[in-house]
Amino acid sequence: SGQVRGLCGTFNGDQRDEFTTPDGDVEPGVAAFANAFRAAGACPALGPAVPDPCAAFPGSRERAEAACAVLVGPVFQ
């Protein structure tokens, strides 16, 4: 606890500094935080909104909803 920093957060019990960048800045949003760790040219920068992961993979939403239905169904209640 309190000895990590990066994409997994700081793990120090203070959620206000979870998005600390490699330069020590605290970003207010997910996109700016993720872009701080992005290797230039390796992938496109994220925009202000987090992309929908199902948009790039047709059929993913249906499979994900079916899998989640099991978790929220009577088996796990």
PDB file of N, CA and C in Angstrom:
ATOM      1  N   SER A   1       0.827  -1.182   0.000  1.00  0.00           N
ATOM      2  CA  SER A   1       0.000   0.000   0.000  1.00  0.00           C
ATOM      3  C   SER A   1       0.877   1.254   0.000  1.00  0.00           C
ATOM      4  N   GLY A   2       0.514   2.213  -0.836  1.00  0.00           N
ATOM      5  CA  GLY A   2       1.239   3.476  -0.889  1.00  0.00           C
ATOM      6  C   GLY A   2       2.586   3.416  -1.594  1.00  0.00           C
ATOM      7  N   GLN A   3       2.911   2.290  -2.228  1.00  0.00           N
ATOM      8  CA  GLN A   3       4.205   2.163  -2.877  1.00  0.00           C
ATOM      9  C   GLN A   3       4.094   1.988  -4.387  1.00  0.00           C
ATOM     10  N   VAL A   4       2.905   2.176  -4.941  1.00  0.00           N
ATOM     11  CA  VAL A   4       2.717   2.019  -6.381  1.00  0.00           C
ATOM     12  C   VAL A   4       2.189   3.312  -6.983  1.00  0.00           C
ATOM     13  N   ARG A   5       2.383   3.427  -8.294  1.00  0.00           N
ATOM     14  CA  ARG A   5       1.831   4.563  -9.030  1.00  0.00           C
ATOM     15  C   ARG A   5       1.793   4.146 -10.489  1.00  0.00           C
ATOM     16  N   GLY A   6       0.756   4.506 -11.205  1.00  0.00           N
ATOM     17  CA  GLY A   6       0.666   4.173 -12.609  1.00  0.00           C
ATOM     18  C   GLY A   6      -0.759   3.897 -13.024  1.00  0.00           C
ATOM     19  N   LEU A   7      -0.912   3.082 -14.055  1.00  0.00           N
ATOM     20  CA  LEU A   7      -2.244   2.809 -14.593  1.00  0.00           C
ATOM     21  C   LEU A   7      -3.144   2.116 -13.594  1.00  0.00           C
ATOM     22  N   CYS A   8      -2.587   1.445 -12.615  1.00  0.00           N
ATOM     23  CA  CYS A   8      -3.402   0.772 -11.598  1.00  0.00           C
ATOM     24  C   CYS A   8      -3.688   1.672 -10.398  1.00  0.00           C
ATOM     25  N   GLY A   9      -3.291   2.917 -10.441  1.00  0.00           N
ATOM     26  CA  GLY A   9      -3.567   3.846  -9.353  1.00  0.00           C
ATOM     27  C   GLY A   9      -2.448   3.904  -8.336  1.00  0.00           C
ATOM     28  N   THR A  10      -2.722   4.542  -7.194  1.00  0.00           N
ATOM     29  CA  THR A  10      -1.715   4.739  -6.167  1.00  0.00           C
ATOM     30  C   THR A  10      -1.880   3.790  -4.984  1.00  0.00           C
ATOM     31  N   PHE A  11      -3.056   3.238  -4.812  1.00  0.00           N
ATOM     32  CA  PHE A  11      -3.352   2.280  -3.738  1.00  0.00           C
ATOM     33  C   PHE A  11      -2.928   2.820  -2.375  1.00  0.00           C
ATOM     34  N   ASN A  12      -3.322   4.075  -2.120  1.00  0.00           N
ATOM     35  CA  ASN A  12      -2.987   4.674  -0.831  1.00  0.00           C
ATOM     36  C   ASN A  12      -4.230   5.075  -0.040  1.00  0.00           C
ATOM     37  N   GLY A  13      -5.403   4.685  -0.524  1.00  0.00           N
ATOM     38  CA  GLY A  13      -6.644   5.012   0.170  1.00  0.00           C
ATOM     39  C   GLY A  13      -7.216   6.369  -0.174  1.00  0.00           C
ATOM     40  N   ASP A  14      -6.510   7.159  -0.964  1.00  0.00           N
ATOM     41  CA  ASP A  14      -6.974   8.493  -1.358  1.00  0.00           C
ATOM     42  C   ASP A  14      -7.333   8.463  -2.837  1.00  0.00           C
ATOM     43  N   GLN A  15      -8.614   8.409  -3.150  1.00  0.00           N
ATOM     44  CA  GLN A  15      -9.047   8.303  -4.537  1.00  0.00           C
ATOM     45  C   GLN A  15      -8.803   9.581  -5.330  1.00  0.00           C
ATOM     46  N   ARG A  16      -8.517  10.678  -4.676  1.00  0.00           N
ATOM     47  CA  ARG A  16      -8.290  11.938  -5.393  1.00  0.00           C
ATOM     48  C   ARG A  16      -7.004  11.922  -6.203  1.00  0.00           C
ATOM     49  N   ASP A  17      -6.059  11.018  -5.895  1.00  0.00           N
ATOM     50  CA  ASP A  17      -4.803  11.016  -6.634  1.00  0.00           C
ATOM     51  C   ASP A  17      -4.600   9.740  -7.456  1.00  0.00           C
ATOM     52  N   GLU A  18      -5.678   9.030  -7.726  1.00  0.00           N
ATOM     53  CA  GLU A  18      -5.575   7.785  -8.493  1.00  0.00           C
ATOM     54  C   GLU A  18      -5.071   8.017  -9.912  1.00  0.00           C
ATOM     55  N   PHE A  19      -5.363   9.153 -10.507  1.00  0.00           N
ATOM     56  CA  PHE A  19      -4.961   9.432 -11.883  1.00  0.00           C
ATOM     57  C   PHE A  19      -3.671  10.247 -11.920  1.00  0.00           C
ATOM     58  N   THR A  20      -2.663   9.844 -11.164  1.00  0.00           N
ATOM     59  CA  THR A  20      -1.364  10.523 -11.163  1.00  0.00           C
ATOM     60  C   THR A  20      -0.550  10.054 -12.363  1.00  0.00           C
ATOM     61  N   THR A  21      -0.091  11.004 -13.170  1.00  0.00           N
ATOM     62  CA  THR A  21       0.659  10.696 -14.392  1.00  0.00           C
ATOM     63  C   THR A  21       2.134  10.429 -14.068  1.00  0.00           C
ATOM     64  N   PRO A  22       2.900   9.949 -15.054  1.00  0.00           N
ATOM     65  CA  PRO A  22       4.335   9.751 -14.825  1.00  0.00           C
ATOM     66  C   PRO A  22       5.067  11.037 -14.430  1.00  0.00           C
ATOM     67  N   ASP A  23       4.528  12.192 -14.832  1.00  0.00           N
ATOM     68  CA  ASP A  23       5.146  13.475 -14.475  1.00  0.00           C
ATOM     69  C   ASP A  23       4.722  13.977 -13.096  1.00  0.00           C
ATOM     70  N   GLY A  24       3.818  13.233 -12.425  1.00  0.00           N
ATOM     71  CA  GLY A  24       3.361  13.633 -11.097  1.00  0.00           C
ATOM     72  C   GLY A  24       2.121  14.497 -11.088  1.00  0.00           C
ATOM     73  N   ASP A  25       1.571  14.798 -12.268  1.00  0.00           N
ATOM     74  CA  ASP A  25       0.334  15.575 -12.339  1.00  0.00           C
ATOM     75  C   ASP A  25      -0.854  14.666 -12.041  1.00  0.00           C
ATOM     76  N   VAL A  26      -1.920  15.239 -11.505  1.00  0.00           N
ATOM     77  CA  VAL A  26      -3.148  14.482 -11.280  1.00  0.00           C
ATOM     78  C   VAL A  26      -4.165  14.933 -12.318  1.00  0.00           C
ATOM     79  N   GLU A  27      -4.548  14.012 -13.191  1.00  0.00           N
ATOM     80  CA  GLU A  27      -5.500  14.325 -14.257  1.00  0.00           C
ATOM     81  C   GLU A  27      -6.930  14.132 -13.751  1.00  0.00           C
ATOM     82  N   PRO A  28      -7.855  14.994 -14.163  1.00  0.00           N
ATOM     83  CA  PRO A  28      -9.240  14.868 -13.705  1.00  0.00           C
ATOM     84  C   PRO A  28     -10.043  13.810 -14.452  1.00  0.00           C
ATOM     85  N   GLY A  29      -9.587  13.405 -15.647  1.00  0.00           N
ATOM     86  CA  GLY A  29     -10.380  12.470 -16.445  1.00  0.00           C
ATOM     87  C   GLY A  29      -9.579  11.278 -16.933  1.00  0.00           C
ATOM     88  N   VAL A  30     -10.296  10.246 -17.318  1.00  0.00           N
ATOM     89  CA  VAL A  30      -9.692   8.997 -17.760  1.00  0.00           C
ATOM     90  C   VAL A  30      -8.863   9.170 -19.027  1.00  0.00           C
ATOM     91  N   ALA A  31      -9.393   9.896 -20.015  1.00  0.00           N
ATOM     92  CA  ALA A  31      -8.711  10.023 -21.303  1.00  0.00           C
ATOM     93  C   ALA A  31      -7.355  10.700 -21.154  1.00  0.00           C
ATOM     94  N   ALA A  32      -7.307  11.816 -20.459  1.00  0.00           N
ATOM     95  CA  ALA A  32      -6.035  12.533 -20.278  1.00  0.00           C
ATOM     96  C   ALA A  32      -5.049  11.681 -19.493  1.00  0.00           C
ATOM     97  N   PHE A  33      -5.539  10.952 -18.493  1.00  0.00           N
ATOM     98  CA  PHE A  33      -4.678  10.069 -17.704  1.00  0.00           C
ATOM     99  C   PHE A  33      -4.098   8.960 -18.574  1.00  0.00           C
ATOM    100  N   ALA A  34      -4.948   8.287 -19.348  1.00  0.00           N
ATOM    101  CA  ALA A  34      -4.476   7.201 -20.216  1.00  0.00           C
ATOM    102  C   ALA A  34      -3.514   7.722 -21.268  1.00  0.00           C
ATOM    103  N   ASN A  35      -3.784   8.887 -21.832  1.00  0.00           N
ATOM    104  CA  ASN A  35      -2.897   9.461 -22.849  1.00  0.00           C
ATOM    105  C   ASN A  35      -1.513   9.784 -22.285  1.00  0.00           C
ATOM    106  N   ALA A  36      -1.416  10.063 -20.994  1.00  0.00           N
ATOM    107  CA  ALA A  36      -0.127  10.356 -20.374  1.00  0.00           C
ATOM    108  C   ALA A  36       0.786   9.133 -20.394  1.00  0.00           C
ATOM    109  N   PHE A  37       0.210   7.934 -20.451  1.00  0.00           N
ATOM    110  CA  PHE A  37       0.994   6.699 -20.478  1.00  0.00           C
ATOM    111  C   PHE A  37       1.153   6.139 -21.889  1.00  0.00           C
ATOM    112  N   ARG A  38       0.541   6.781 -22.867  1.00  0.00           N
ATOM    113  CA  ARG A  38       0.553   6.288 -24.249  1.00  0.00           C
ATOM    114  C   ARG A  38       1.923   6.482 -24.874  1.00  0.00           C
ATOM    115  N   ALA A  39       2.402   5.445 -25.533  1.00  0.00           N
ATOM    116  CA  ALA A  39       3.653   5.550 -26.283  1.00  0.00           C
ATOM    117  C   ALA A  39       3.338   6.245 -27.603  1.00  0.00           C
ATOM    118  N   ALA A  40       4.004   7.344 -27.882  1.00  0.00           N
ATOM    119  CA  ALA A  40       3.731   8.120 -29.094  1.00  0.00           C
ATOM    120  C   ALA A  40       3.814   7.233 -30.333  1.00  0.00           C
ATOM    121  N   GLY A  41       2.793   7.284 -31.152  1.00  0.00           N
ATOM    122  CA  GLY A  41       2.755   6.530 -32.386  1.00  0.00           C
ATOM    123  C   GLY A  41       2.294   5.092 -32.233  1.00  0.00           C
ATOM    124  N   ALA A  42       2.225   4.581 -31.011  1.00  0.00           N
ATOM    125  CA  ALA A  42       1.822   3.192 -30.806  1.00  0.00           C
ATOM    126  C   ALA A  42       0.319   2.994 -30.993  1.00  0.00           C
ATOM    127  N   CYS A  43      -0.447   3.983 -30.636  1.00  0.00           N
ATOM    128  CA  CYS A  43      -1.895   3.912 -30.781  1.00  0.00           C
ATOM    129  C   CYS A  43      -2.446   5.331 -30.772  1.00  0.00           C
ATOM    130  N   PRO A  44      -3.657   5.531 -31.286  1.00  0.00           N
ATOM    131  CA  PRO A  44      -4.213   6.888 -31.303  1.00  0.00           C
ATOM    132  C   PRO A  44      -4.553   7.367 -29.899  1.00  0.00           C
ATOM    133  N   ALA A  45      -4.455   8.661 -29.703  1.00  0.00           N
ATOM    134  CA  ALA A  45      -4.817   9.246 -28.416  1.00  0.00           C
ATOM    135  C   ALA A  45      -6.315   9.120 -28.197  1.00  0.00           C
ATOM    136  N   LEU A  46      -6.697   8.935 -26.945  1.00  0.00           N
ATOM    137  CA  LEU A  46      -8.117   8.894 -26.601  1.00  0.00           C
ATOM    138  C   LEU A  46      -8.689  10.297 -26.650  1.00  0.00           C
ATOM    139  N   GLY A  47      -9.936  10.396 -27.069  1.00  0.00           N
ATOM    140  CA  GLY A  47     -10.630  11.673 -27.050  1.00  0.00           C
ATOM    141  C   GLY A  47     -11.219  11.904 -25.672  1.00  0.00           C
ATOM    142  N   PRO A  48     -12.030  12.943 -25.521  1.00  0.00           N
ATOM    143  CA  PRO A  48     -12.590  13.244 -24.196  1.00  0.00           C
ATOM    144  C   PRO A  48     -13.560  12.175 -23.687  1.00  0.00           C
ATOM    145  N   ALA A  49     -14.139  11.401 -24.592  1.00  0.00           N
ATOM    146  CA  ALA A  49     -15.063  10.348 -24.160  1.00  0.00           C
ATOM    147  C   ALA A  49     -14.382   8.986 -24.297  1.00  0.00           C
ATOM    148  N   VAL A  50     -14.664   8.106 -23.384  1.00  0.00           N
ATOM    149  CA  VAL A  50     -14.118   6.751 -23.447  1.00  0.00           C
ATOM    150  C   VAL A  50     -14.858   5.994 -24.546  1.00  0.00           C
ATOM    151  N   PRO A  51     -14.132   5.369 -25.478  1.00  0.00           N
ATOM    152  CA  PRO A  51     -14.814   4.674 -26.573  1.00  0.00           C
ATOM    153  C   PRO A  51     -15.588   3.451 -26.083  1.00  0.00           C
ATOM    154  N   ASP A  52     -16.648   3.132 -26.788  1.00  0.00           N
ATOM    155  CA  ASP A  52     -17.462   1.963 -26.469  1.00  0.00           C
ATOM    156  C   ASP A  52     -16.715   0.724 -26.956  1.00  0.00           C
ATOM    157  N   PRO A  53     -16.285  -0.166 -26.071  1.00  0.00           N
ATOM    158  CA  PRO A  53     -15.505  -1.318 -26.503  1.00  0.00           C
ATOM    159  C   PRO A  53     -16.279  -2.257 -27.415  1.00  0.00           C
ATOM    160  N   CYS A  54     -17.579  -2.244 -27.370  1.00  0.00           N
ATOM    161  CA  CYS A  54     -18.371  -3.133 -28.218  1.00  0.00           C
ATOM    162  C   CYS A  54     -18.513  -2.607 -29.643  1.00  0.00           C
ATOM    163  N   ALA A  55     -18.258  -1.320 -29.855  1.00  0.00           N
ATOM    164  CA  ALA A  55     -18.450  -0.731 -31.177  1.00  0.00           C
ATOM    165  C   ALA A  55     -17.497  -1.335 -32.212  1.00  0.00           C
ATOM    166  N   ALA A  56     -16.298  -1.700 -31.805  1.00  0.00           N
ATOM    167  CA  ALA A  56     -15.312  -2.225 -32.747  1.00  0.00           C
ATOM    168  C   ALA A  56     -15.487  -3.714 -33.035  1.00  0.00           C
ATOM    169  N   PHE A  57     -16.294  -4.393 -32.242  1.00  0.00           N
ATOM    170  CA  PHE A  57     -16.440  -5.839 -32.387  1.00  0.00           C
ATOM    171  C   PHE A  57     -17.923  -6.212 -32.468  1.00  0.00           C
ATOM    172  N   PRO A  58     -18.444  -6.356 -33.685  1.00  0.00           N
ATOM    173  CA  PRO A  58     -19.861  -6.708 -33.830  1.00  0.00           C
ATOM    174  C   PRO A  58     -20.177  -8.004 -33.075  1.00  0.00           C
ATOM    175  N   GLY A  59     -21.274  -7.987 -32.374  1.00  0.00           N
ATOM    176  CA  GLY A  59     -21.695  -9.166 -31.628  1.00  0.00           C
ATOM    177  C   GLY A  59     -21.166  -9.211 -30.211  1.00  0.00           C
ATOM    178  N   SER A  60     -20.215  -8.355 -29.882  1.00  0.00           N
ATOM    179  CA  SER A  60     -19.636  -8.383 -28.537  1.00  0.00           C
ATOM    180  C   SER A  60     -20.651  -8.007 -27.467  1.00  0.00           C
ATOM    181  N   ARG A  61     -21.485  -7.025 -27.762  1.00  0.00           N
ATOM    182  CA  ARG A  61     -22.459  -6.579 -26.763  1.00  0.00           C
ATOM    183  C   ARG A  61     -23.386  -7.726 -26.372  1.00  0.00           C
ATOM    184  N   GLU A  62     -23.866  -8.478 -27.358  1.00  0.00           N
ATOM    185  CA  GLU A  62     -24.777  -9.579 -27.062  1.00  0.00           C
ATOM    186  C   GLU A  62     -24.092 -10.650 -26.214  1.00  0.00           C
ATOM    187  N   ARG A  63     -22.844 -10.987 -26.544  1.00  0.00           N
ATOM    188  CA  ARG A  63     -22.109 -11.988 -25.756  1.00  0.00           C
ATOM    189  C   ARG A  63     -21.845 -11.482 -24.341  1.00  0.00           C
ATOM    190  N   ALA A  64     -21.502 -10.214 -24.210  1.00  0.00           N
ATOM    191  CA  ALA A  64     -21.234  -9.644 -22.889  1.00  0.00           C
ATOM    192  C   ALA A  64     -22.504  -9.611 -22.043  1.00  0.00           C
ATOM    193  N   GLU A  65     -23.614  -9.216 -22.649  1.00  0.00           N
ATOM    194  CA  GLU A  65     -24.871  -9.175 -21.900  1.00  0.00           C
ATOM    195  C   GLU A  65     -25.298 -10.577 -21.467  1.00  0.00           C
ATOM    196  N   ALA A  66     -25.074 -11.577 -22.316  1.00  0.00           N
ATOM    197  CA  ALA A  66     -25.421 -12.958 -21.958  1.00  0.00           C
ATOM    198  C   ALA A  66     -24.547 -13.435 -20.793  1.00  0.00           C
ATOM    199  N   ALA A  67     -23.260 -13.101 -20.825  1.00  0.00           N
ATOM    200  CA  ALA A  67     -22.363 -13.502 -19.738  1.00  0.00           C
ATOM    201  C   ALA A  67     -22.731 -12.800 -18.436  1.00  0.00           C
ATOM    202  N   CYS A  68     -23.068 -11.525 -18.514  1.00  0.00           N
ATOM    203  CA  CYS A  68     -23.451 -10.778 -17.314  1.00  0.00           C
ATOM    204  C   CYS A  68     -24.774 -11.276 -16.740  1.00  0.00           C
ATOM    205  N   ALA A  69     -25.654 -11.736 -17.616  1.00  0.00           N
ATOM    206  CA  ALA A  69     -26.944 -12.258 -17.151  1.00  0.00           C
ATOM    207  C   ALA A  69     -26.734 -13.436 -16.210  1.00  0.00           C
ATOM    208  N   VAL A  70     -25.721 -14.229 -16.461  1.00  0.00           N
ATOM    209  CA  VAL A  70     -25.418 -15.357 -15.577  1.00  0.00           C
ATOM    210  C   VAL A  70     -24.990 -14.838 -14.202  1.00  0.00           C
ATOM    211  N   LEU A  71     -24.154 -13.803 -14.197  1.00  0.00           N
ATOM    212  CA  LEU A  71     -23.640 -13.265 -12.931  1.00  0.00           C
ATOM    213  C   LEU A  71     -24.717 -12.600 -12.086  1.00  0.00           C
ATOM    214  N   VAL A  72     -25.687 -11.974 -12.729  1.00  0.00           N
ATOM    215  CA  VAL A  72     -26.745 -11.306 -11.976  1.00  0.00           C
ATOM    216  C   VAL A  72     -27.988 -12.179 -11.842  1.00  0.00           C
ATOM    217  N   GLY A  73     -27.903 -13.407 -12.356  1.00  0.00           N
ATOM    218  CA  GLY A  73     -29.036 -14.339 -12.299  1.00  0.00           C
ATOM    219  C   GLY A  73     -29.122 -15.065 -10.968  1.00  0.00           C
ATOM    220  N   PRO A  74     -30.062 -15.990 -10.871  1.00  0.00           N
ATOM    221  CA  PRO A  74     -30.322 -16.700  -9.617  1.00  0.00           C
ATOM    222  C   PRO A  74     -29.157 -17.565  -9.130  1.00  0.00           C
ATOM    223  N   VAL A  75     -28.286 -17.996 -10.026  1.00  0.00           N
ATOM    224  CA  VAL A  75     -27.157 -18.843  -9.616  1.00  0.00           C
ATOM    225  C   VAL A  75     -26.278 -18.145  -8.586  1.00  0.00           C
ATOM    226  N   PHE A  76     -26.091 -16.837  -8.716  1.00  0.00           N
ATOM    227  CA  PHE A  76     -25.204 -16.086  -7.829  1.00  0.00           C
ATOM    228  C   PHE A  76     -25.943 -15.241  -6.797  1.00  0.00           C
ATOM    229  N   GLN A  77     -27.230 -15.460  -6.621  1.00  0.00           N
ATOM    230  CA  GLN A  77     -27.968 -14.651  -5.632  1.00  0.00           C
ATOM    231  C   GLN A  77     -27.882 -15.234  -4.260  1.00  0.00           C
TER     232      GLN A  77
END
